Amino acid sequence: MKNLRSTKGFTLVEIMIVVVIIGLLAAMAIPAFQKVRTASQDKAITNNLRQLSAAADQYFLEFGVSTVTFSDLVGTGTQHYIKAIATVAREIYPTDFNQGEAVTASAVAGVRTVTYNN
């Protein structure tokens, strides 16, 4: 009687080597992905700050004042300059804007701040 043992398939060692290689690739890819994600969030927040700063500058010119609140700039009414600001990383935007000052978003992803200087 012949031995009908199959030689097809992978051995345990081959499968373990593949798993280790996948783990090493993941260990290299995850930090790179997080770095790109952080940079993307910062750019989106900087763009929001730029829009807020431009709206505040326009408000200062139109009304001849040097301070404006967030609620005067952002809203759905016809007298607002920006319809909405979408948060990207649970950031907090300032409530007051002063003429000539930098605009800063705090608590970006809970730990960072992003500042825009015009």
N, C-alpha and C. Protein backbone atom coordinates (compact mmCIF):
# COMPACT_ATOMS: atom_id res chain seq x y z
N MET A 1 0.82 -1.17 0.00
CA MET A 1 0.00 0.00 0.00
C MET A 1 0.88 1.25 0.00
N LYS A 2 0.53 2.22 -0.84
CA LYS A 2 1.30 3.45 -0.97
C LYS A 2 0.97 4.44 0.14
N ASN A 3 1.96 5.26 0.48
CA ASN A 3 1.74 6.34 1.44
C ASN A 3 1.14 7.53 0.69
N LEU A 4 -0.08 7.94 1.02
CA LEU A 4 -0.80 8.98 0.30
C LEU A 4 -0.65 10.35 0.97
N ARG A 5 0.50 10.61 1.53
CA ARG A 5 0.72 11.89 2.20
C ARG A 5 0.90 12.99 1.17
N SER A 6 0.15 14.10 1.31
CA SER A 6 0.19 15.21 0.36
C SER A 6 1.36 16.12 0.68
N THR A 7 2.04 16.61 -0.32
CA THR A 7 3.16 17.54 -0.13
C THR A 7 2.77 18.96 -0.54
N LYS A 8 1.50 19.18 -0.83
CA LYS A 8 1.04 20.50 -1.20
C LYS A 8 0.81 21.34 0.06
N GLY A 9 0.87 22.70 -0.11
CA GLY A 9 0.60 23.59 1.01
C GLY A 9 1.86 24.19 1.59
N PHE A 10 1.69 24.94 2.68
CA PHE A 10 2.79 25.64 3.32
C PHE A 10 3.10 24.99 4.66
N THR A 11 4.36 25.06 5.04
CA THR A 11 4.75 24.55 6.35
C THR A 11 4.51 25.66 7.39
N LEU A 12 4.52 25.28 8.63
CA LEU A 12 4.32 26.23 9.72
C LEU A 12 5.40 27.30 9.72
N VAL A 13 6.64 26.93 9.43
CA VAL A 13 7.74 27.88 9.41
C VAL A 13 7.53 28.92 8.31
N GLU A 14 7.09 28.50 7.14
CA GLU A 14 6.84 29.44 6.05
C GLU A 14 5.74 30.44 6.40
N ILE A 15 4.70 29.96 7.02
CA ILE A 15 3.61 30.84 7.42
C ILE A 15 4.08 31.82 8.49
N MET A 16 4.89 31.36 9.43
CA MET A 16 5.41 32.25 10.48
C MET A 16 6.30 33.34 9.88
N ILE A 17 7.12 33.00 8.89
CA ILE A 17 7.99 33.98 8.25
C ILE A 17 7.14 35.05 7.55
N VAL A 18 6.08 34.64 6.87
CA VAL A 18 5.20 35.60 6.21
C VAL A 18 4.54 36.53 7.23
N VAL A 19 4.11 35.99 8.36
CA VAL A 19 3.48 36.80 9.40
C VAL A 19 4.48 37.81 9.97
N VAL A 20 5.71 37.40 10.17
CA VAL A 20 6.74 38.31 10.68
C VAL A 20 7.02 39.42 9.67
N ILE A 21 7.09 39.10 8.40
CA ILE A 21 7.33 40.11 7.38
C ILE A 21 6.18 41.12 7.33
N ILE A 22 4.95 40.65 7.40
CA ILE A 22 3.80 41.54 7.41
C ILE A 22 3.83 42.44 8.65
N GLY A 23 4.21 41.89 9.79
CA GLY A 23 4.32 42.68 11.01
C GLY A 23 5.38 43.77 10.90
N LEU A 24 6.52 43.45 10.29
CA LEU A 24 7.57 44.46 10.10
C LEU A 24 7.11 45.57 9.15
N LEU A 25 6.43 45.20 8.08
CA LEU A 25 5.91 46.20 7.16
C LEU A 25 4.89 47.11 7.84
N ALA A 26 4.03 46.54 8.65
CA ALA A 26 3.04 47.33 9.38
C ALA A 26 3.72 48.26 10.39
N ALA A 27 4.76 47.77 11.05
CA ALA A 27 5.49 48.57 12.03
C ALA A 27 6.16 49.78 11.37
N MET A 28 6.53 49.66 10.10
CA MET A 28 7.12 50.80 9.39
C MET A 28 6.05 51.72 8.81
N ALA A 29 4.91 51.18 8.42
CA ALA A 29 3.89 51.98 7.73
C ALA A 29 3.05 52.81 8.69
N ILE A 30 2.75 52.31 9.87
CA ILE A 30 1.85 53.01 10.79
C ILE A 30 2.40 54.37 11.23
N PRO A 31 3.67 54.50 11.65
CA PRO A 31 4.17 55.83 12.01
C PRO A 31 4.17 56.81 10.83
N ALA A 32 4.47 56.31 9.63
CA ALA A 32 4.44 57.18 8.45
C ALA A 32 3.02 57.67 8.19
N PHE A 33 2.05 56.80 8.34
CA PHE A 33 0.65 57.17 8.15
C PHE A 33 0.23 58.22 9.17
N GLN A 34 0.64 58.05 10.41
CA GLN A 34 0.28 59.02 11.46
C GLN A 34 0.91 60.38 11.20
N LYS A 35 2.13 60.38 10.67
CA LYS A 35 2.80 61.64 10.36
C LYS A 35 2.06 62.37 9.24
N VAL A 36 1.65 61.66 8.22
CA VAL A 36 0.91 62.26 7.11
C VAL A 36 -0.45 62.76 7.60
N ARG A 37 -1.09 62.00 8.47
CA ARG A 37 -2.40 62.41 9.01
C ARG A 37 -2.28 63.70 9.82
N THR A 38 -1.24 63.80 10.65
CA THR A 38 -1.02 65.00 11.45
C THR A 38 -0.77 66.21 10.56
N ALA A 39 0.05 66.04 9.54
CA ALA A 39 0.34 67.14 8.62
C ALA A 39 -0.92 67.58 7.89
N SER A 40 -1.73 66.63 7.49
CA SER A 40 -2.99 66.95 6.80
C SER A 40 -3.95 67.71 7.71
N GLN A 41 -4.06 67.28 8.95
CA GLN A 41 -4.93 67.98 9.91
C GLN A 41 -4.43 69.40 10.12
N ASP A 42 -3.13 69.57 10.30
CA ASP A 42 -2.58 70.90 10.54
C ASP A 42 -2.84 71.83 9.35
N LYS A 43 -2.74 71.31 8.13
CA LYS A 43 -2.99 72.14 6.95
C LYS A 43 -4.46 72.53 6.86
N ALA A 44 -5.36 71.62 7.17
CA ALA A 44 -6.79 71.94 7.13
C ALA A 44 -7.14 72.98 8.20
N ILE A 45 -6.56 72.85 9.38
CA ILE A 45 -6.82 73.80 10.46
C ILE A 45 -6.21 75.16 10.12
N THR A 46 -5.02 75.16 9.53
CA THR A 46 -4.40 76.42 9.11
C THR A 46 -5.28 77.12 8.08
N ASN A 47 -5.89 76.36 7.18
CA ASN A 47 -6.78 76.97 6.20
C ASN A 47 -8.02 77.57 6.88
N ASN A 48 -8.58 76.87 7.87
CA ASN A 48 -9.70 77.43 8.63
C ASN A 48 -9.30 78.72 9.33
N LEU A 49 -8.11 78.72 9.93
CA LEU A 49 -7.62 79.93 10.61
C LEU A 49 -7.40 81.07 9.62
N ARG A 50 -6.93 80.75 8.43
CA ARG A 50 -6.73 81.76 7.40
C ARG A 50 -8.06 82.39 7.01
N GLN A 51 -9.09 81.55 6.87
CA GLN A 51 -10.42 82.07 6.52
C GLN A 51 -10.98 82.94 7.65
N LEU A 52 -10.79 82.51 8.88
CA LEU A 52 -11.25 83.31 10.02
C LEU A 52 -10.52 84.64 10.09
N SER A 53 -9.22 84.62 9.84
CA SER A 53 -8.43 85.84 9.88
C SER A 53 -8.86 86.80 8.78
N ALA A 54 -9.09 86.28 7.59
CA ALA A 54 -9.54 87.13 6.47
C ALA A 54 -10.92 87.71 6.75
N ALA A 55 -11.81 86.91 7.32
CA ALA A 55 -13.14 87.40 7.67
C ALA A 55 -13.06 88.48 8.74
N ALA A 56 -12.20 88.27 9.72
CA ALA A 56 -12.03 89.27 10.77
C ALA A 56 -11.47 90.57 10.19
N ASP A 57 -10.50 90.47 9.29
CA ASP A 57 -9.94 91.67 8.67
C ASP A 57 -11.01 92.43 7.90
N GLN A 58 -11.85 91.71 7.18
CA GLN A 58 -12.92 92.36 6.44
C GLN A 58 -13.91 93.04 7.40
N TYR A 59 -14.22 92.37 8.49
CA TYR A 59 -15.12 92.95 9.50
C TYR A 59 -14.53 94.23 10.08
N PHE A 60 -13.21 94.20 10.39
CA PHE A 60 -12.54 95.37 10.93
C PHE A 60 -12.65 96.55 9.96
N LEU A 61 -12.43 96.28 8.67
CA LEU A 61 -12.50 97.34 7.67
C LEU A 61 -13.91 97.91 7.52
N GLU A 62 -14.90 97.02 7.53
CA GLU A 62 -16.27 97.47 7.30
C GLU A 62 -16.86 98.24 8.48
N PHE A 63 -16.52 97.81 9.70
CA PHE A 63 -17.15 98.42 10.86
C PHE A 63 -16.22 99.35 11.66
N GLY A 64 -14.96 99.42 11.29
CA GLY A 64 -14.03 100.32 11.96
C GLY A 64 -13.77 99.97 13.41
N VAL A 65 -13.78 98.70 13.75
CA VAL A 65 -13.52 98.25 15.11
C VAL A 65 -12.21 97.46 15.13
N SER A 66 -11.75 97.09 16.30
CA SER A 66 -10.51 96.33 16.39
C SER A 66 -10.70 94.97 17.05
N THR A 67 -11.95 94.62 17.41
CA THR A 67 -12.25 93.33 18.02
C THR A 67 -13.56 92.80 17.44
N VAL A 68 -13.60 91.49 17.20
CA VAL A 68 -14.81 90.85 16.69
C VAL A 68 -14.91 89.46 17.33
N THR A 69 -16.14 89.00 17.51
CA THR A 69 -16.35 87.67 18.10
C THR A 69 -16.53 86.62 17.00
N PHE A 70 -16.33 85.40 17.38
CA PHE A 70 -16.49 84.26 16.47
C PHE A 70 -17.91 84.22 15.92
N SER A 71 -18.89 84.47 16.77
CA SER A 71 -20.29 84.39 16.34
C SER A 71 -20.65 85.48 15.34
N ASP A 72 -19.92 86.60 15.32
CA ASP A 72 -20.15 87.62 14.30
C ASP A 72 -19.59 87.23 12.94
N LEU A 73 -18.62 86.34 12.94
CA LEU A 73 -17.98 85.94 11.69
C LEU A 73 -18.60 84.69 11.08
N VAL A 74 -18.99 83.74 11.92
CA VAL A 74 -19.43 82.43 11.44
C VAL A 74 -20.90 82.24 11.73
N GLY A 75 -21.66 81.87 10.71
CA GLY A 75 -23.08 81.61 10.88
C GLY A 75 -23.78 81.54 9.54
N THR A 76 -25.06 81.25 9.58
CA THR A 76 -25.80 81.07 8.33
C THR A 76 -26.52 82.33 7.87
N GLY A 77 -26.49 83.37 8.64
CA GLY A 77 -27.18 84.60 8.27
C GLY A 77 -26.46 85.33 7.15
N THR A 78 -27.14 86.32 6.59
CA THR A 78 -26.55 87.08 5.48
C THR A 78 -25.46 88.04 5.96
N GLN A 79 -25.42 88.34 7.25
CA GLN A 79 -24.43 89.26 7.77
C GLN A 79 -23.15 88.57 8.23
N HIS A 80 -23.08 87.26 8.09
CA HIS A 80 -21.89 86.52 8.49
C HIS A 80 -20.96 86.33 7.29
N TYR A 81 -19.68 86.19 7.55
CA TYR A 81 -18.68 86.11 6.50
C TYR A 81 -18.33 84.67 6.13
N ILE A 82 -18.53 83.74 7.05
CA ILE A 82 -18.24 82.33 6.83
C ILE A 82 -19.47 81.53 7.23
N LYS A 83 -19.89 80.60 6.38
CA LYS A 83 -21.08 79.81 6.70
C LYS A 83 -20.84 78.86 7.86
N ALA A 84 -19.74 78.11 7.79
CA ALA A 84 -19.45 77.13 8.86
C ALA A 84 -17.97 76.80 8.85
N ILE A 85 -17.47 76.46 10.01
CA ILE A 85 -16.10 75.97 10.15
C ILE A 85 -16.20 74.51 10.59
N ALA A 86 -15.72 73.62 9.77
CA ALA A 86 -15.75 72.19 10.10
C ALA A 86 -14.51 71.84 10.92
N THR A 87 -14.71 71.27 12.09
CA THR A 87 -13.56 70.85 12.89
C THR A 87 -12.95 69.59 12.30
N VAL A 88 -11.65 69.49 12.40
CA VAL A 88 -10.90 68.39 11.81
C VAL A 88 -10.42 67.42 12.87
N ALA A 89 -9.92 67.95 13.97
CA ALA A 89 -9.32 67.11 15.01
C ALA A 89 -9.75 67.59 16.40
N ARG A 90 -11.03 67.88 16.56
CA ARG A 90 -11.60 68.34 17.83
C ARG A 90 -10.90 69.60 18.35
N GLU A 91 -10.44 70.45 17.43
CA GLU A 91 -9.74 71.67 17.82
C GLU A 91 -10.73 72.71 18.33
N ILE A 92 -10.20 73.67 19.05
CA ILE A 92 -11.01 74.76 19.61
C ILE A 92 -10.51 76.06 18.99
N TYR A 93 -11.42 76.78 18.35
CA TYR A 93 -11.08 78.05 17.73
C TYR A 93 -11.31 79.18 18.73
N PRO A 94 -10.61 80.30 18.57
CA PRO A 94 -10.77 81.40 19.51
C PRO A 94 -12.17 82.02 19.42
N THR A 95 -12.61 82.61 20.50
CA THR A 95 -13.93 83.23 20.52
C THR A 95 -13.86 84.71 20.16
N ASP A 96 -12.70 85.33 20.33
CA ASP A 96 -12.52 86.75 20.00
C ASP A 96 -11.29 86.92 19.11
N PHE A 97 -11.38 87.88 18.20
CA PHE A 97 -10.28 88.18 17.29
C PHE A 97 -9.93 89.65 17.43
N ASN A 98 -8.65 89.92 17.60
CA ASN A 98 -8.17 91.30 17.72
C ASN A 98 -7.35 91.65 16.48
N GLN A 99 -7.49 92.88 16.05
CA GLN A 99 -6.81 93.32 14.85
C GLN A 99 -5.29 93.23 15.03
N GLY A 100 -4.62 92.65 14.05
CA GLY A 100 -3.16 92.55 14.06
C GLY A 100 -2.59 91.38 14.84
N GLU A 101 -3.42 90.56 15.46
CA GLU A 101 -2.92 89.42 16.24
C GLU A 101 -2.99 88.14 15.45
N ALA A 102 -2.12 87.20 15.79
CA ALA A 102 -2.16 85.87 15.19
C ALA A 102 -3.39 85.12 15.69
N VAL A 103 -3.86 84.19 14.89
CA VAL A 103 -5.04 83.40 15.24
C VAL A 103 -4.55 81.99 15.56
N THR A 104 -4.98 81.44 16.72
CA THR A 104 -4.49 80.15 17.17
C THR A 104 -5.65 79.22 17.51
N ALA A 105 -5.55 78.00 17.00
CA ALA A 105 -6.50 76.94 17.37
C ALA A 105 -5.81 76.07 18.42
N SER A 106 -6.50 75.80 19.50
CA SER A 106 -5.89 75.01 20.58
C SER A 106 -6.54 73.64 20.67
N ALA A 107 -5.92 72.77 21.42
CA ALA A 107 -6.40 71.40 21.68
C ALA A 107 -6.60 70.61 20.39
N VAL A 108 -5.72 70.82 19.43
CA VAL A 108 -5.79 70.06 18.17
C VAL A 108 -5.43 68.62 18.49
N ALA A 109 -6.35 67.71 18.25
CA ALA A 109 -6.21 66.30 18.59
C ALA A 109 -5.89 66.14 20.08
N GLY A 110 -6.29 67.13 20.86
CA GLY A 110 -6.11 67.06 22.30
C GLY A 110 -4.76 67.50 22.81
N VAL A 111 -3.77 67.72 21.93
CA VAL A 111 -2.42 67.99 22.42
C VAL A 111 -1.68 69.13 21.74
N ARG A 112 -2.04 69.50 20.52
CA ARG A 112 -1.25 70.48 19.76
C ARG A 112 -1.99 71.81 19.65
N THR A 113 -1.25 72.82 19.23
CA THR A 113 -1.84 74.10 18.84
C THR A 113 -1.34 74.44 17.43
N VAL A 114 -2.18 75.12 16.67
CA VAL A 114 -1.82 75.56 15.33
C VAL A 114 -2.09 77.06 15.27
N THR A 115 -1.10 77.82 14.77
CA THR A 115 -1.20 79.27 14.72
C THR A 115 -1.07 79.75 13.28
N TYR A 116 -1.87 80.76 12.93
CA TYR A 116 -1.79 81.39 11.62
C TYR A 116 -1.48 82.87 11.82
N ASN A 117 -0.42 83.33 11.15
CA ASN A 117 -0.06 84.76 11.14
C ASN A 117 -0.33 85.30 9.75
N ASN A 118 -1.10 86.39 9.67
CA ASN A 118 -1.34 86.94 8.34
C ASN A 118 -0.32 87.94 7.96
